[in-house]
Each structure stands twice: as C-alpha cells, then as structure tokens.
Amino acid sequence: MAGPCGSGKSSVIQKAVQSDLPLFGDALRGEFLGSVLDRSGREYDDYGLALEQHSCFQANHVKRLSRESALLSGLLLHLDLYQILRGIDASYWPRGLKRRAQRLSNETDRLPKRCFEDLLKPRQNDLMMQAFLAKKLFQRFRQVAVATVHCSFERNASQLAARKRRSRGKWMKYFSAPDHIARAIHAEIYRCWDRALVQMSPVANISINVDSNDGFSVNGSFVSYDD
C-alpha cells in the first residue's frame, strides 16, 4: 500500500482489514487477509510490536524485516512515499547520493533529510526509490501486489495541515513549502512511484482514490467507511 504522507493509506488499510475487503482483488483475497493477523487494523511505529501483533509494516521496518529468519508467507507494507524519497531513514539512501549528502553537510555519522529542492530532481528520486526496492526483503517473495492511494494535492495538503495542528507544529511536511513547490513535489512523488511500478511489474496494480470524506474507490468501485 503506497502513497504520500497524509493521503489516507491508514484509513483504507483499517477499513479493508476490519471488513475483510479484498483490497488487492479476489484472486489475492486470502493472501491479503492472511498478511495482517491483527484485525484492529492498527499500525505500530515500533518494529517489535508490529512483528509481535502481525500488523502491517512501515517503510522503516523493511531493513529489519530483511534480517528475520522466518516470516509469514505474505506481508502488508504501508509505504510512505514521501518518507522514502526524503531519505528520513539512512538505510534508504543509495551509496552515491549518501556520500554526496555527507560531503555537502560535513557529517559522517548522520544524514540530513533531502531538501525540498532535491525532491524536485527526478533522477535522484528514481535512485532513492530503486535503492529502497532493492532491499533483500523484496527478493524473498515470489510476487508483489501493489495498491496505490491517489489523493489530490488539495486534499493531501488539508489532511497534513490538520495533522500539524493536532501535533502543535511538530509536523513539517512538504505542504509547508511555497504552494507551487509543494504542488510540484506532490506530482513528482506520484511520477517517481509510477516509474518504479513499471520496473516492478506487480502481479496486481490497484488504484485507490480517496478524494471523498465518506469513503474511497477501488478501481472505480466505491467503498463507504460507514458500511
């Protein structure tokens, strides 16, 4: 499950898990429902809790999941595409960009997050995404199914602004950039992911639209949050 931060991924996952919704299609119904044993649909930032509860996993869990000797036959990953491209976790970085960032910042033990200007560089973004998807975890499974959450810039910015208000200013995401830059970053995140999908060739490629407060559409079929 992939999309920018604040696009609605968590709400879709929770609804799908609690309602036994075949989010990735009927052919993969069993695989999807078996990938999340925690029927609350809750997410855990802490890796140990996510593993213990058999919940969905986040992008920053991928490196540790790669090291596990035994895993379920299927996993559900909640991928924040902004987080991956921003380089929030040092393990996401490809070596070349990592060395360059360390050289420019004069830091060897920590990496700065990629700036807004960097997020508008398609080639660098493609390298970041390729490095992430090259992790050993993705090589352990015979097939990958993808559901992409599509959210308009206006709704995405509104959701992030609400999140920022609730956290008393601690959330500083791309919507805090000047409007024309924020819009360009939003578009670039989806462009980079679309390019990655071409290379990934998933067995299922599901499109989810969340531009409604009442629910979301899965490949054109509407699902209400209240059902």
Protein backbone atom coordinates (compact mmCIF):
# COMPACT_ATOMS: atom_id res chain seq x y z
CA MET A 1 0.00 0.00 0.00
CA ALA A 2 1.72 3.16 -1.17
CA GLY A 3 1.03 6.88 -1.25
CA PRO A 4 2.31 10.22 0.06
CA CYS A 5 2.11 11.01 3.76
CA GLY A 6 -1.38 12.07 4.76
CA SER A 7 -3.02 10.63 1.66
CA GLY A 8 -5.30 8.24 3.57
CA LYS A 9 -3.40 4.93 3.49
CA SER A 10 -4.04 4.17 7.16
CA SER A 11 -7.81 4.66 6.89
CA VAL A 12 -8.00 2.44 3.82
CA ILE A 13 -5.97 -0.32 5.47
CA GLN A 14 -8.04 -0.25 8.64
CA LYS A 15 -11.32 -0.42 6.72
CA ALA A 16 -10.06 -3.22 4.47
CA VAL A 17 -8.76 -5.34 7.34
CA GLN A 18 -11.82 -4.91 9.55
CA SER A 19 -14.27 -5.55 6.69
CA ASP A 20 -12.34 -8.40 5.04
CA LEU A 21 -12.25 -6.31 1.89
CA PRO A 22 -10.27 -7.97 -0.93
CA LEU A 23 -8.19 -4.83 -1.44
CA PHE A 24 -5.86 -6.44 -3.95
CA GLY A 25 -8.57 -8.30 -5.86
CA ASP A 26 -10.44 -11.57 -5.36
CA ALA A 27 -7.52 -13.66 -6.63
CA LEU A 28 -5.36 -12.39 -3.75
CA ARG A 29 -8.09 -12.24 -1.08
CA GLY A 30 -6.54 -15.00 1.02
CA GLU A 31 -3.02 -13.61 0.74
CA PHE A 32 -4.12 -10.14 1.81
CA LEU A 33 -6.27 -11.25 4.75
CA GLY A 34 -3.51 -13.59 5.91
CA SER A 35 -0.90 -10.85 5.84
CA VAL A 36 -2.45 -8.92 8.76
CA LEU A 37 -3.49 -11.02 11.74
CA ASP A 38 -4.24 -8.00 13.95
CA ARG A 39 -7.88 -7.41 12.99
CA SER A 40 -7.93 -3.95 14.58
CA GLY A 41 -6.02 -2.65 11.58
CA ARG A 42 -3.83 -0.69 13.97
CA GLU A 43 -0.36 0.42 12.93
CA TYR A 44 2.70 0.29 15.16
CA ASP A 45 5.71 2.55 14.76
CA ASP A 46 7.65 0.18 16.99
CA TYR A 47 9.01 -2.70 14.90
CA GLY A 48 8.88 -5.23 17.74
CA LEU A 49 5.19 -4.56 18.37
CA ALA A 50 4.33 -4.72 14.68
CA LEU A 51 6.09 -8.09 14.42
CA GLU A 52 4.51 -9.43 17.61
CA GLN A 53 0.99 -8.34 16.62
CA HIS A 54 1.39 -9.43 12.97
CA SER A 55 0.22 -5.99 11.90
CA CYS A 56 1.12 -4.12 8.72
CA PHE A 57 4.70 -2.87 8.49
CA GLN A 58 6.10 0.51 7.60
CA ALA A 59 8.89 1.57 5.28
CA ASN A 60 11.34 1.98 8.14
CA HIS A 61 10.74 -1.67 9.13
CA VAL A 62 11.98 -3.09 5.82
CA LYS A 63 15.65 -3.31 6.78
CA ARG A 64 14.89 -5.26 9.97
CA LEU A 65 12.35 -7.48 8.23
CA SER A 66 15.09 -8.43 5.77
CA ARG A 67 17.08 -9.90 8.66
CA GLU A 68 14.31 -12.14 10.01
CA SER A 69 14.96 -15.85 9.51
CA ALA A 70 11.25 -16.67 9.28
CA LEU A 71 8.33 -14.55 8.10
CA LEU A 72 4.67 -15.03 7.25
CA SER A 73 4.06 -16.13 3.69
CA GLY A 74 2.71 -12.65 2.99
CA LEU A 75 3.36 -9.19 4.44
CA LEU A 76 1.49 -5.92 4.11
CA LEU A 77 3.75 -2.90 3.79
CA HIS A 78 2.49 0.62 4.43
CA LEU A 79 4.83 2.74 2.29
CA ASP A 80 5.01 6.48 2.84
CA LEU A 81 6.49 7.57 -0.49
CA TYR A 82 7.41 11.00 0.86
CA GLN A 83 9.36 9.40 3.68
CA ILE A 84 11.27 7.18 1.26
CA LEU A 85 12.19 10.00 -1.12
CA ARG A 86 13.04 12.43 1.67
CA GLY A 87 15.58 9.92 2.98
CA ILE A 88 14.28 10.05 6.55
CA ASP A 89 15.83 6.64 7.26
CA ALA A 90 19.54 6.40 6.40
CA SER A 91 19.06 2.84 5.12
CA TYR A 92 17.00 4.16 2.17
CA TRP A 93 19.89 6.02 0.56
CA PRO A 94 21.85 4.71 -2.43
CA ARG A 95 25.60 4.88 -1.83
CA GLY A 96 26.37 7.62 -4.34
CA LEU A 97 23.76 10.06 -3.03
CA LYS A 98 24.64 9.13 0.55
CA ARG A 99 28.31 10.02 0.08
CA ARG A 100 27.38 13.25 -1.69
CA ALA A 101 24.99 14.30 1.10
CA GLN A 102 27.58 13.54 3.77
CA ARG A 103 30.23 15.52 1.90
CA LEU A 104 27.99 18.56 1.49
CA SER A 105 26.89 18.52 5.13
CA ASN A 106 30.36 17.70 6.55
CA GLU A 107 28.69 14.91 8.53
CA THR A 108 29.85 11.29 8.55
CA ASP A 109 27.65 9.78 11.25
CA ARG A 110 24.27 11.21 10.24
CA LEU A 111 22.47 12.22 7.10
CA PRO A 112 20.36 15.34 6.63
CA LYS A 113 16.94 14.84 5.13
CA ARG A 114 16.77 15.68 1.45
CA CYS A 115 15.57 19.24 0.99
CA PHE A 116 12.51 20.36 -0.96
CA GLU A 117 14.70 21.27 -3.94
CA ASP A 118 16.12 17.74 -4.01
CA LEU A 119 12.60 16.30 -4.11
CA LEU A 120 12.14 18.03 -7.48
CA LYS A 121 15.07 16.16 -9.06
CA PRO A 122 13.56 13.17 -10.92
CA ARG A 123 16.82 11.27 -11.46
CA GLN A 124 17.81 11.47 -7.79
CA ASN A 125 14.30 10.46 -6.73
CA ASP A 126 14.42 7.44 -9.05
CA LEU A 127 17.75 6.42 -7.50
CA MET A 128 16.29 6.72 -4.00
CA MET A 129 13.28 4.59 -4.91
CA GLN A 130 15.39 1.99 -6.73
CA ALA A 131 17.67 1.66 -3.70
CA PHE A 132 14.71 1.12 -1.41
CA LEU A 133 13.05 -1.50 -3.62
CA ALA A 134 16.38 -3.32 -3.99
CA LYS A 135 16.28 -4.30 -0.30
CA LYS A 136 16.64 -8.02 0.36
CA LEU A 137 13.12 -8.26 1.77
CA PHE A 138 11.56 -7.78 -1.68
CA GLN A 139 13.67 -10.61 -3.07
CA ARG A 140 12.28 -13.10 -0.54
CA PHE A 141 8.80 -13.17 -2.06
CA ARG A 142 7.66 -14.73 -5.33
CA GLN A 143 5.22 -11.95 -6.12
CA VAL A 144 4.37 -8.39 -5.17
CA ALA A 145 0.93 -6.78 -5.38
CA VAL A 146 0.58 -3.01 -5.18
CA ALA A 147 -2.26 -0.70 -4.19
CA THR A 148 -1.55 2.99 -4.76
CA VAL A 149 -3.57 5.59 -2.87
CA HIS A 150 -4.28 8.55 -5.13
CA CYS A 151 -5.11 11.80 -3.38
CA SER A 152 -5.40 15.28 -4.87
CA PHE A 153 -2.93 17.91 -3.74
CA GLU A 154 -5.70 19.98 -2.13
CA ARG A 155 -6.98 17.10 -0.01
CA ASN A 156 -3.49 15.90 0.84
CA ALA A 157 -2.41 19.38 1.97
CA SER A 158 -5.61 19.76 4.01
CA GLN A 159 -5.02 16.44 5.79
CA LEU A 160 -1.42 17.32 6.57
CA ALA A 161 -2.40 20.77 7.84
CA ALA A 162 -4.93 19.16 10.21
CA ARG A 163 -2.28 16.73 11.38
CA LYS A 164 0.11 19.63 12.00
CA ARG A 165 -2.48 21.48 14.10
CA ARG A 166 -3.10 18.42 16.26
CA SER A 167 0.61 17.95 16.89
CA ARG A 168 1.24 21.62 17.80
CA GLY A 169 3.50 22.36 14.87
CA LYS A 170 5.71 19.29 15.07
CA TRP A 171 4.72 18.07 11.59
CA MET A 172 6.66 19.92 8.90
CA LYS A 173 5.89 18.16 5.64
CA TYR A 174 6.04 19.27 2.04
CA PHE A 175 2.82 21.28 2.29
CA SER A 176 4.83 23.86 4.32
CA ALA A 177 6.83 24.71 1.19
CA PRO A 178 5.60 27.50 -1.10
CA ASP A 179 2.44 26.40 -2.88
CA HIS A 180 3.99 25.94 -6.35
CA ILE A 181 6.83 23.87 -4.90
CA ALA A 182 4.51 21.76 -2.74
CA ARG A 183 2.31 21.02 -5.76
CA ALA A 184 5.33 20.05 -7.84
CA ILE A 185 6.61 17.73 -5.08
CA HIS A 186 3.18 16.07 -4.81
CA ALA A 187 3.19 15.41 -8.57
CA GLU A 188 6.80 14.23 -8.55
CA ILE A 189 6.13 11.68 -5.79
CA TYR A 190 3.49 10.01 -7.94
CA ARG A 191 5.64 10.23 -11.09
CA CYS A 192 8.53 8.50 -9.33
CA TRP A 193 6.25 5.76 -7.99
CA ASP A 194 4.65 5.18 -11.41
CA ARG A 195 8.13 4.72 -12.90
CA ALA A 196 9.02 2.25 -10.14
CA LEU A 197 5.84 0.26 -10.86
CA VAL A 198 6.85 -0.18 -14.50
CA GLN A 199 10.11 -1.74 -13.37
CA MET A 200 8.49 -3.76 -10.57
CA SER A 201 5.80 -5.44 -12.74
CA PRO A 202 3.46 -6.29 -9.81
CA VAL A 203 1.01 -9.18 -10.18
CA ALA A 204 -1.77 -6.76 -9.18
CA ASN A 205 -1.74 -2.99 -9.58
CA ILE A 206 -4.73 -1.50 -7.76
CA SER A 207 -5.73 2.17 -7.93
CA ILE A 208 -7.41 3.67 -4.86
CA ASN A 209 -8.92 7.16 -4.84
CA VAL A 210 -9.59 8.87 -1.51
CA ASP A 211 -10.92 12.29 -2.55
CA SER A 212 -14.14 11.76 -0.58
CA ASN A 213 -14.79 12.10 3.16
CA ASP A 214 -17.29 9.24 3.00
CA GLY A 215 -15.06 6.50 1.63
CA PHE A 216 -12.74 5.55 -1.17
CA SER A 217 -12.86 3.98 -4.63
CA VAL A 218 -11.00 0.79 -5.51
CA ASN A 219 -10.52 0.56 -9.27
CA GLY A 220 -13.67 2.65 -9.66
CA SER A 221 -15.87 0.79 -7.12
CA PHE A 222 -16.84 2.93 -4.11
CA VAL A 223 -16.36 1.64 -0.55
CA SER A 224 -18.03 3.55 2.31
CA TYR A 225 -16.23 3.97 5.61
CA ASP A 226 -19.59 3.51 7.39
CA ASP A 227 -20.59 0.16 5.84
